[in-house]
Amino acid sequence: MIFAYELVIEITIASPVSIQPRVDAMNEIELANALAQDNADDELLSQLRWYQKKYNRLEKVNNLYQRLAGAMDLPTIIETYSIWLAEHVKHDLIGYHNQTLGRMHLFCSSHGPERRSIITVAEKILRRPRAGAEMFQVDEMLRAYQWQFETESSCALLLLLKNDSQVSKDDMRLISESLSILLQPLKRSFDYEEIFSQAREDLLTGLPNRLVFEERIDCFIEQARRYGQPLTLAALDLDHFKEVNDTLGHPMGDKALQEVSRALEAEIRATDLLVRMGGDEFLLILPNTDMDDACHLSERLCQAVAKLNIPAGENQLGVSIGLAAWQPDMDKQTWLERADDILYQAKKNGRARVAVH
């Protein structure tokens, strides 16, 4: 007997639609994980870039600290800071003015008429800073940036002048971080000046004395040589000063010297150096000043002394001035002797006048 069986096998195939929600859920999880990983990577890269920038700024600031370590005087400090900053932030001038101590110095990298124009602008801003303004436009091209420093004992201003483009945010951060380094040697320089001020200041007139002249004359010459700038020396000698002492007495002679010193100081720039060499003799160093400009200034100095109307016997106290331009082939002693010889000519030709080489 043969039995026949009919085997029926039902194969049920699940519809794709029935498993799609699970697949979508898995894709969303994987996508979310991938996005989270990408965000984590981006955040890590962002942090690495931030730390790299921070490290680079610290490295630059540390380099500034090393350069300023041995600087003791204001001109050297400002020049060193400007040269360091120029490697990272393009600028035309750095100026510093301590209003409390009356100390100002400017370092300008421009030349010729542009240099004189920028220095004039800087001096005006430093003497009368714009309150509450960190950055402002001076003219169509020139921008000014200023930082105020105030302590219990002093108030000072740092100025940066820059042509063309604006200082970027990263560069502003670098400057801000560098200021704490700059303030240390500045304070050190003023402490140093205070300690030795009596040795370097003429006690009668308050002007710098011969020691200051000897300290700084070489720096003026070196700067003129390095940047090809004009440099003029003015030798000044009061006319009829002996008669003031003889007729009015030495106390009146001392008072006359004080009045003359104030009158001369009022006419010169902060970057000039006026010293009392002794008696009624003065020397005035005029950096970045050609003979024409030196002549105009000297005429004003003669007029300023004449306006004091100080009687000197039958005459009136005046000042004679001899001007000598420094030349690259001229040594310091020759330059001083040349100015003295020219001053003698001014005396010989009638006094109260300007003579030039």
Protein backbone atom coordinates (compact mmCIF):
# COMPACT_ATOMS: atom_id res chain seq x y z
CA MET A 1 0.00 0.00 0.00
CA ILE A 2 1.37 3.21 -0.96
CA PHE A 3 0.62 6.26 1.11
CA ALA A 4 0.91 9.63 -0.44
CA TYR A 5 1.66 12.68 1.70
CA GLU A 6 1.26 16.25 0.62
CA LEU A 7 3.76 18.37 2.43
CA VAL A 8 2.80 21.90 2.48
CA ILE A 9 5.47 24.29 3.75
CA GLU A 10 4.46 27.86 4.34
CA ILE A 11 7.25 30.32 4.32
CA THR A 12 6.31 33.65 5.64
CA ILE A 13 8.61 36.48 4.62
CA ALA A 14 8.39 39.49 6.81
CA SER A 15 7.52 42.62 4.98
CA PRO A 16 10.37 45.17 4.76
CA VAL A 17 8.03 47.72 6.16
CA SER A 18 7.77 45.81 9.39
CA ILE A 19 11.51 46.12 10.22
CA GLN A 20 12.12 49.68 8.83
CA PRO A 21 11.49 51.52 12.14
CA ARG A 22 14.26 49.53 13.80
CA VAL A 23 16.69 50.25 10.97
CA ASP A 24 15.88 54.00 11.13
CA ALA A 25 16.37 53.97 14.88
CA MET A 26 19.78 52.34 14.52
CA ASN A 27 20.79 54.85 11.83
CA GLU A 28 19.76 57.76 14.05
CA ILE A 29 21.79 56.41 16.93
CA GLU A 30 24.83 55.88 14.73
CA LEU A 31 24.39 59.30 13.19
CA ALA A 32 24.04 60.89 16.59
CA ASN A 33 27.14 59.07 17.78
CA ALA A 34 29.04 60.17 14.70
CA LEU A 35 27.92 63.76 15.13
CA ALA A 36 28.86 63.64 18.79
CA GLN A 37 32.30 62.33 17.87
CA ASP A 38 32.70 65.04 15.22
CA ASN A 39 31.69 67.68 17.75
CA ALA A 40 34.11 66.25 20.27
CA ASP A 41 36.86 66.28 17.65
CA ASP A 42 36.01 69.85 16.67
CA GLU A 43 35.97 70.93 20.30
CA LEU A 44 39.32 69.23 20.89
CA LEU A 45 40.82 70.88 17.81
CA SER A 46 39.39 74.21 18.91
CA GLN A 47 40.96 73.78 22.35
CA LEU A 48 44.26 72.76 20.79
CA ARG A 49 44.23 75.84 18.56
CA TRP A 50 43.41 78.03 21.57
CA TYR A 51 46.26 76.56 23.59
CA GLN A 52 48.60 76.92 20.61
CA LYS A 53 47.72 80.61 20.29
CA LYS A 54 48.11 81.03 24.03
CA TYR A 55 51.51 79.33 23.92
CA ASN A 56 52.64 81.47 20.98
CA ARG A 57 51.62 84.66 22.81
CA LEU A 58 53.38 83.55 25.97
CA GLU A 59 56.49 82.74 23.98
CA LYS A 60 56.47 86.20 22.40
CA VAL A 61 55.85 87.91 25.74
CA ASN A 62 58.64 85.90 27.35
CA ASN A 63 60.97 87.10 24.61
CA LEU A 64 59.99 90.69 25.45
CA TYR A 65 60.73 90.02 29.12
CA GLN A 66 64.23 88.82 28.23
CA ARG A 67 64.91 91.87 26.03
CA LEU A 68 63.80 94.32 28.72
CA ALA A 69 65.66 92.58 31.54
CA GLY A 70 68.70 94.86 31.36
CA ALA A 71 67.00 98.11 30.28
CA MET A 72 67.30 100.85 32.90
CA ASP A 73 66.31 104.13 31.21
CA LEU A 74 63.04 105.25 29.61
CA PRO A 75 64.34 105.82 26.03
CA THR A 76 65.91 102.35 25.88
CA ILE A 77 62.78 100.70 27.29
CA ILE A 78 60.41 102.35 24.80
CA GLU A 79 62.73 101.70 21.84
CA THR A 80 63.18 98.05 22.86
CA TYR A 81 59.42 97.59 23.24
CA SER A 82 58.70 99.19 19.85
CA ILE A 83 61.31 97.05 18.06
CA TRP A 84 59.92 93.88 19.68
CA LEU A 85 56.32 94.80 18.87
CA ALA A 86 57.19 95.59 15.22
CA GLU A 87 58.03 91.91 14.74
CA HIS A 88 54.40 91.01 15.52
CA VAL A 89 52.24 94.13 15.06
CA LYS A 90 53.04 96.68 12.37
CA HIS A 91 53.01 100.24 13.72
CA ASP A 92 54.57 103.65 13.09
CA LEU A 93 55.10 105.03 16.60
CA ILE A 94 55.14 104.05 20.26
CA GLY A 95 54.95 106.89 22.77
CA TYR A 96 54.90 106.98 26.54
CA HIS A 97 54.08 109.87 28.85
CA ASN A 98 54.07 109.76 32.62
CA GLN A 99 52.03 112.85 33.47
CA THR A 100 52.86 112.70 37.16
CA LEU A 101 56.63 112.58 36.68
CA GLY A 102 56.67 114.69 33.53
CA ARG A 103 58.58 112.04 31.57
CA MET A 104 57.86 111.44 27.90
CA HIS A 105 59.60 109.49 25.16
CA LEU A 106 58.59 108.58 21.60
CA PHE A 107 60.05 106.07 19.17
CA CYS A 108 59.00 106.46 15.52
CA SER A 109 59.94 104.14 12.66
CA SER A 110 58.89 106.56 9.90
CA HIS A 111 61.22 109.00 8.18
CA GLY A 112 61.28 112.50 6.69
CA PRO A 113 58.20 114.75 6.74
CA GLU A 114 55.95 111.83 7.67
CA ARG A 115 58.03 111.23 10.79
CA ARG A 116 57.80 114.86 11.90
CA SER A 117 54.06 114.87 11.29
CA ILE A 118 53.46 111.68 13.28
CA ILE A 119 55.62 112.86 16.18
CA THR A 120 53.69 116.15 16.32
CA VAL A 121 50.39 114.25 16.45
CA ALA A 122 51.72 111.90 19.13
CA GLU A 123 52.93 114.71 21.38
CA LYS A 124 49.51 116.38 21.23
CA ILE A 125 47.69 113.16 22.09
CA LEU A 126 50.06 112.26 24.92
CA ARG A 127 49.66 115.67 26.51
CA ARG A 128 45.88 115.68 26.06
CA PRO A 129 44.61 112.09 25.78
CA ARG A 130 41.03 111.39 24.75
CA ALA A 131 39.16 110.21 27.81
CA GLY A 132 37.45 106.83 27.53
CA ALA A 133 38.77 106.06 24.03
CA GLU A 134 41.00 103.04 23.50
CA MET A 135 41.07 103.45 19.70
CA PHE A 136 40.18 106.45 17.53
CA GLN A 137 40.79 107.70 14.02
CA VAL A 138 43.26 110.60 13.81
CA ASP A 139 42.79 111.23 10.08
CA GLU A 140 41.88 109.24 6.96
CA MET A 141 44.85 106.91 7.35
CA LEU A 142 46.22 107.21 10.89
CA ARG A 143 44.72 105.32 13.84
CA ALA A 144 45.58 105.85 17.49
CA TYR A 145 45.46 103.29 20.29
CA GLN A 146 46.01 104.35 23.90
CA TRP A 147 46.30 102.56 27.23
CA GLN A 148 46.02 104.38 30.55
CA PHE A 149 48.02 103.28 33.60
CA GLU A 150 46.99 104.64 36.98
CA THR A 151 48.49 103.83 40.36
CA GLU A 152 48.31 105.52 43.73
CA SER A 153 51.40 107.59 42.92
CA SER A 154 51.32 108.19 39.15
CA CYS A 155 49.29 108.37 35.96
CA ALA A 156 50.74 107.42 32.58
CA LEU A 157 49.71 106.79 28.98
CA LEU A 158 51.05 104.44 26.30
CA LEU A 159 50.26 105.39 22.70
CA LEU A 160 50.46 103.40 19.47
CA LEU A 161 50.00 105.11 16.10
CA LYS A 162 49.38 102.99 13.02
CA ASN A 163 48.69 103.73 9.37
CA ASP A 164 46.32 101.78 7.13
CA SER A 165 44.80 98.62 8.66
CA GLN A 166 43.31 98.23 12.11
CA VAL A 167 44.98 96.18 14.84
CA SER A 168 43.36 92.72 14.96
CA LYS A 169 41.78 91.20 18.07
CA ASP A 170 44.63 88.68 18.41
CA ASP A 171 47.20 91.47 18.17
CA MET A 172 45.30 93.49 20.78
CA ARG A 173 45.46 90.48 23.11
CA LEU A 174 49.21 90.25 22.55
CA ILE A 175 49.66 93.94 23.35
CA SER A 176 47.48 93.65 26.45
CA GLU A 177 49.53 90.73 27.74
CA SER A 178 52.78 92.55 26.98
CA LEU A 179 51.81 95.62 29.01
CA SER A 180 52.25 93.84 32.33
CA ILE A 181 55.81 93.00 31.23
CA LEU A 182 56.45 96.58 30.07
CA LEU A 183 55.28 98.16 33.32
CA GLN A 184 57.92 96.41 35.40
CA PRO A 185 61.01 97.96 33.73
CA LEU A 186 59.22 101.31 33.47
CA LYS A 187 58.75 101.34 37.24
CA ARG A 188 62.35 100.20 37.66
CA SER A 189 63.58 103.04 35.47
CA PHE A 190 61.69 105.66 37.49
CA ASP A 191 62.92 104.17 40.76
CA TYR A 192 66.43 104.36 39.36
CA GLU A 193 65.93 107.97 38.27
CA GLU A 194 64.56 108.94 41.66
CA ILE A 195 67.54 107.43 43.46
CA PHE A 196 70.07 109.21 41.29
CA SER A 197 68.06 112.34 40.48
CA GLN A 198 70.12 114.64 42.68
CA ALA A 199 73.31 113.46 40.99
CA ARG A 200 71.83 114.06 37.53
CA GLU A 201 69.80 117.25 38.08
CA ASP A 202 70.97 120.82 38.34
CA LEU A 203 69.76 121.84 41.80
CA LEU A 204 69.27 125.50 40.94
CA THR A 205 67.31 125.28 37.69
CA GLY A 206 65.97 121.72 37.78
CA LEU A 207 67.42 121.06 34.34
CA PRO A 208 69.47 117.94 33.55
CA ASN A 209 73.15 118.49 34.26
CA ARG A 210 76.45 117.66 32.57
CA LEU A 211 76.28 114.04 33.71
CA VAL A 212 73.00 113.50 31.84
CA PHE A 213 74.51 115.09 28.76
CA GLU A 214 77.46 112.71 28.87
CA GLU A 215 75.13 109.75 29.42
CA ARG A 216 72.84 110.49 26.49
CA ILE A 217 74.91 112.22 23.85
CA ASP A 218 76.23 108.94 22.42
CA CYS A 219 72.69 107.56 22.14
CA PHE A 220 71.57 110.61 20.15
CA ILE A 221 74.53 110.23 17.79
CA GLU A 222 73.98 106.50 17.35
CA GLN A 223 70.28 106.97 16.56
CA ALA A 224 71.08 109.66 13.99
CA ARG A 225 73.71 107.43 12.42
CA ARG A 226 71.48 104.34 12.37
CA TYR A 227 68.42 105.98 10.83
CA GLY A 228 70.10 108.71 8.79
CA GLN A 229 68.37 111.48 10.74
CA PRO A 230 69.57 115.08 11.07
CA LEU A 231 70.97 116.06 14.46
CA THR A 232 71.80 119.59 15.61
CA LEU A 233 73.58 120.88 18.68
CA ALA A 234 72.88 124.35 20.08
CA ALA A 235 75.40 125.98 22.41
CA LEU A 236 73.81 128.76 24.50
CA ASP A 237 75.45 131.43 26.62
CA LEU A 238 73.66 134.26 28.43
CA ASP A 239 74.62 137.81 27.49
CA HIS A 240 75.53 140.29 30.24
CA PHE A 241 74.88 137.76 33.01
CA LYS A 242 77.89 139.02 34.98
CA GLU A 243 76.29 142.46 35.14
CA VAL A 244 73.16 140.92 36.71
CA ASN A 245 75.26 139.48 39.53
CA ASP A 246 77.33 142.65 39.89
CA THR A 247 74.43 145.11 40.00
CA LEU A 248 71.60 143.08 41.54
CA GLY A 249 73.50 140.47 43.56
CA HIS A 250 73.89 136.73 43.27
CA PRO A 251 70.41 135.87 44.61
CA MET A 252 68.92 137.84 41.70
CA GLY A 253 71.39 136.12 39.38
CA ASP A 254 70.13 132.74 40.59
CA LYS A 255 66.55 133.85 40.07
CA ALA A 256 67.43 135.02 36.54
CA LEU A 257 68.88 131.58 35.73
CA GLN A 258 65.69 129.92 36.95
CA GLU A 259 63.48 132.19 34.85
CA VAL A 260 65.63 131.69 31.77
CA SER A 261 65.57 127.91 32.21
CA ARG A 262 61.78 127.86 32.40
CA ALA A 263 61.49 130.10 29.35
CA LEU A 264 63.81 127.86 27.31
CA GLU A 265 62.04 124.68 28.41
CA ALA A 266 58.68 126.09 27.34
CA GLU A 267 59.89 126.40 23.73
CA ILE A 268 61.49 122.98 23.16
CA ARG A 269 60.02 119.53 22.50
CA ALA A 270 59.86 116.66 24.96
CA THR A 271 62.30 114.74 22.76
CA ASP A 272 64.96 117.49 22.95
CA LEU A 273 67.58 117.59 25.69
CA LEU A 274 68.38 120.92 27.37
CA VAL A 275 71.13 120.80 30.00
CA ARG A 276 72.83 123.40 32.17
CA MET A 277 76.54 122.79 31.78
CA GLY A 278 77.48 125.26 34.52
CA GLY A 279 77.31 129.00 35.21
CA ASP A 280 75.29 130.63 32.44
CA GLU A 281 76.13 128.01 29.79
CA PHE A 282 73.59 125.59 28.33
CA LEU A 283 73.63 122.90 25.65
CA LEU A 284 70.58 121.82 23.66
CA ILE A 285 70.49 118.60 21.60
CA LEU A 286 67.89 118.63 18.83
CA PRO A 287 67.27 115.12 17.42
CA ASN A 288 65.76 114.75 13.96
CA THR A 289 66.17 118.49 13.41
CA ASP A 290 67.85 120.04 10.39
CA MET A 291 69.56 123.43 10.39
CA ASP A 292 66.53 125.37 9.11
CA ASP A 293 64.27 124.07 11.88
CA ALA A 294 67.04 124.59 14.45
CA CYS A 295 67.39 128.22 13.35
CA HIS A 296 63.67 128.87 13.73
CA LEU A 297 63.69 127.37 17.21
CA SER A 298 66.80 129.31 18.24
CA GLU A 299 65.22 132.59 17.16
CA ARG A 300 62.25 131.78 19.41
CA LEU A 301 64.62 131.03 22.28
CA CYS A 302 66.31 134.43 21.87
CA GLN A 303 62.92 136.14 21.86
CA ALA A 304 61.76 134.17 24.93
CA VAL A 305 64.76 135.34 26.96
CA ALA A 306 64.40 138.92 25.74
CA LYS A 307 60.73 138.97 26.82
CA LEU A 308 61.80 138.32 30.40
CA ASN A 309 63.10 141.93 30.51
CA ILE A 310 65.78 141.14 33.09
CA PRO A 311 68.00 144.22 33.62
CA ALA A 312 71.77 143.69 33.40
CA GLY A 313 73.40 147.00 34.31
CA GLU A 314 72.99 149.29 31.33
CA ASN A 315 71.95 146.32 29.17
CA GLN A 316 69.34 143.61 29.20
CA LEU A 317 69.91 139.92 29.73
CA GLY A 318 69.91 138.01 26.45
CA VAL A 319 71.19 134.75 24.99
CA SER A 320 73.60 134.00 22.15
CA ILE A 321 73.31 130.66 20.33
CA GLY A 322 75.71 128.73 18.11
CA LEU A 323 74.33 125.90 15.95
CA ALA A 324 76.36 122.97 14.63
CA ALA A 325 74.94 120.10 12.56
CA TRP A 326 76.35 116.66 13.27
CA GLN A 327 77.96 114.88 10.30
CA PRO A 328 78.54 111.10 10.02
CA ASP A 329 82.32 111.58 9.80
CA MET A 330 82.39 113.87 12.88
CA ASP A 331 83.38 112.59 16.32
CA LYS A 332 81.69 113.85 19.47
CA GLN A 333 84.51 116.13 20.62
CA THR A 334 84.84 117.80 17.23
CA TRP A 335 81.10 118.41 17.15
CA LEU A 336 81.13 120.05 20.60
CA GLU A 337 84.12 122.22 19.71
CA ARG A 338 82.42 123.29 16.45
CA ALA A 339 79.31 124.43 18.33
CA ASP A 340 81.44 126.35 20.83
CA ASP A 341 83.37 128.09 18.04
CA ILE A 342 80.13 129.12 16.34
CA LEU A 343 78.76 130.43 19.64
CA TYR A 344 81.88 132.59 19.93
CA GLN A 345 81.02 134.09 16.53
CA ALA A 346 77.51 134.96 17.74
CA LYS A 347 79.03 136.72 20.76
CA LYS A 348 81.57 138.51 18.61
CA ASN A 349 78.96 139.72 16.11
CA GLY A 350 76.80 141.56 18.64
CA ARG A 351 75.26 139.01 21.03
CA ALA A 352 71.60 138.08 21.47
CA ARG A 353 71.66 136.35 18.10
CA VAL A 354 71.98 132.99 16.35
CA ALA A 355 75.09 131.91 14.44
CA VAL A 356 75.27 128.81 12.22
CA HIS A 357 78.00 126.72 10.70
